[in-house]
Protein backbone atom coordinates (compact mmCIF):
# COMPACT_ATOMS: atom_id res chain seq x y z
CA UNK A 1 -4.15 1.73 9.63
CA UNK A 2 -3.22 1.96 5.94
CA UNK A 3 -0.97 4.26 4.27
CA UNK A 4 -3.89 6.27 2.70
CA UNK A 5 -5.78 6.43 6.20
CA UNK A 6 -2.40 7.79 7.89
CA UNK A 7 -1.84 10.55 5.05
CA UNK A 8 -5.41 11.64 5.25
CA UNK A 9 -5.54 11.66 9.05
CA UNK A 10 -2.52 14.03 8.73
CA UNK A 11 -4.53 16.17 5.95
CA UNK A 12 -1.63 15.60 3.40
CA UNK A 13 -2.77 15.31 -0.25
CA UNK A 14 -1.60 12.79 -2.45
CA UNK A 15 -0.17 15.58 -4.80
CA UNK A 16 1.64 17.10 -1.75
CA UNK A 17 3.21 13.82 -0.73
CA UNK A 18 4.18 13.23 -4.28
CA UNK A 19 5.95 16.38 -4.40
CA UNK A 20 8.00 15.52 -1.44
CA UNK A 21 8.71 11.95 -2.81
CA UNK A 22 9.73 13.36 -6.32
CA UNK A 23 6.95 11.41 -7.83
CA UNK A 24 3.41 12.05 -9.54
CA UNK A 25 0.14 11.89 -7.80
CA UNK A 26 -0.78 8.73 -9.67
CA UNK A 27 2.20 6.99 -8.14
CA UNK A 28 1.13 7.76 -4.81
CA UNK A 29 -2.14 6.41 -5.43
CA UNK A 30 -0.83 3.04 -6.89
CA UNK A 31 1.49 3.03 -4.04
CA UNK A 32 -1.59 3.56 -1.57
CA UNK A 33 -3.14 0.44 -3.13
CA UNK A 34 -0.50 -2.01 -3.04
CA UNK A 35 -0.84 -4.85 -0.61
CA UNK A 36 3.09 -4.90 -0.36
CA UNK A 37 5.74 -2.50 -0.06
CA UNK A 38 9.72 -2.48 0.39
CA UNK A 39 10.74 -1.46 3.98
CA UNK A 40 13.18 1.30 2.63
CA UNK A 41 10.35 2.85 0.41
CA UNK A 42 7.88 2.48 3.45
CA UNK A 43 10.47 4.52 5.39
CA UNK A 44 10.66 7.24 2.88
CA UNK A 45 7.04 7.90 2.83
CA UNK A 46 6.67 7.90 6.59
CA UNK A 47 9.54 10.55 6.74
CA UNK A 48 7.99 12.61 3.70
CA UNK A 49 4.77 12.80 6.11
CA UNK A 50 6.99 13.98 9.04
CA UNK A 51 7.17 11.00 10.88
CA UNK A 52 9.56 8.37 11.81
CA UNK A 53 9.41 4.73 11.06
CA UNK A 54 9.58 2.49 14.21
CA UNK A 55 9.61 -1.38 13.68
CA UNK A 56 9.12 -3.73 16.50
CA UNK A 57 8.94 -7.53 17.12
CA UNK A 58 7.04 -8.92 19.71
CA UNK A 59 7.81 -12.26 21.34
CA UNK A 60 6.30 -13.92 24.56
CA UNK A 61 7.91 -11.63 27.42
CA UNK A 62 9.84 -9.80 24.98
CA UNK A 63 9.43 -6.62 22.56
CA UNK A 64 12.37 -5.84 20.59
CA UNK A 65 12.67 -2.46 18.64
CA UNK A 66 14.67 -3.18 15.34
CA UNK A 67 16.73 -0.67 13.51
CA UNK A 68 15.89 0.90 10.26
């Protein structure tokens, strides 16, 4: 799921998310079109949408949850 799909599934408008992040709607649009995003920025975006970022690494026979 892309960030845009996630935001839309939560019924959050780009302008609303932008206000929570302290950026303009156009910045949210650009962010959603990027193919790469910093982990710290992704965490802020997820938290602004009301979630918690969880990162996991999967190995054969082992799943590890990494702290963010």
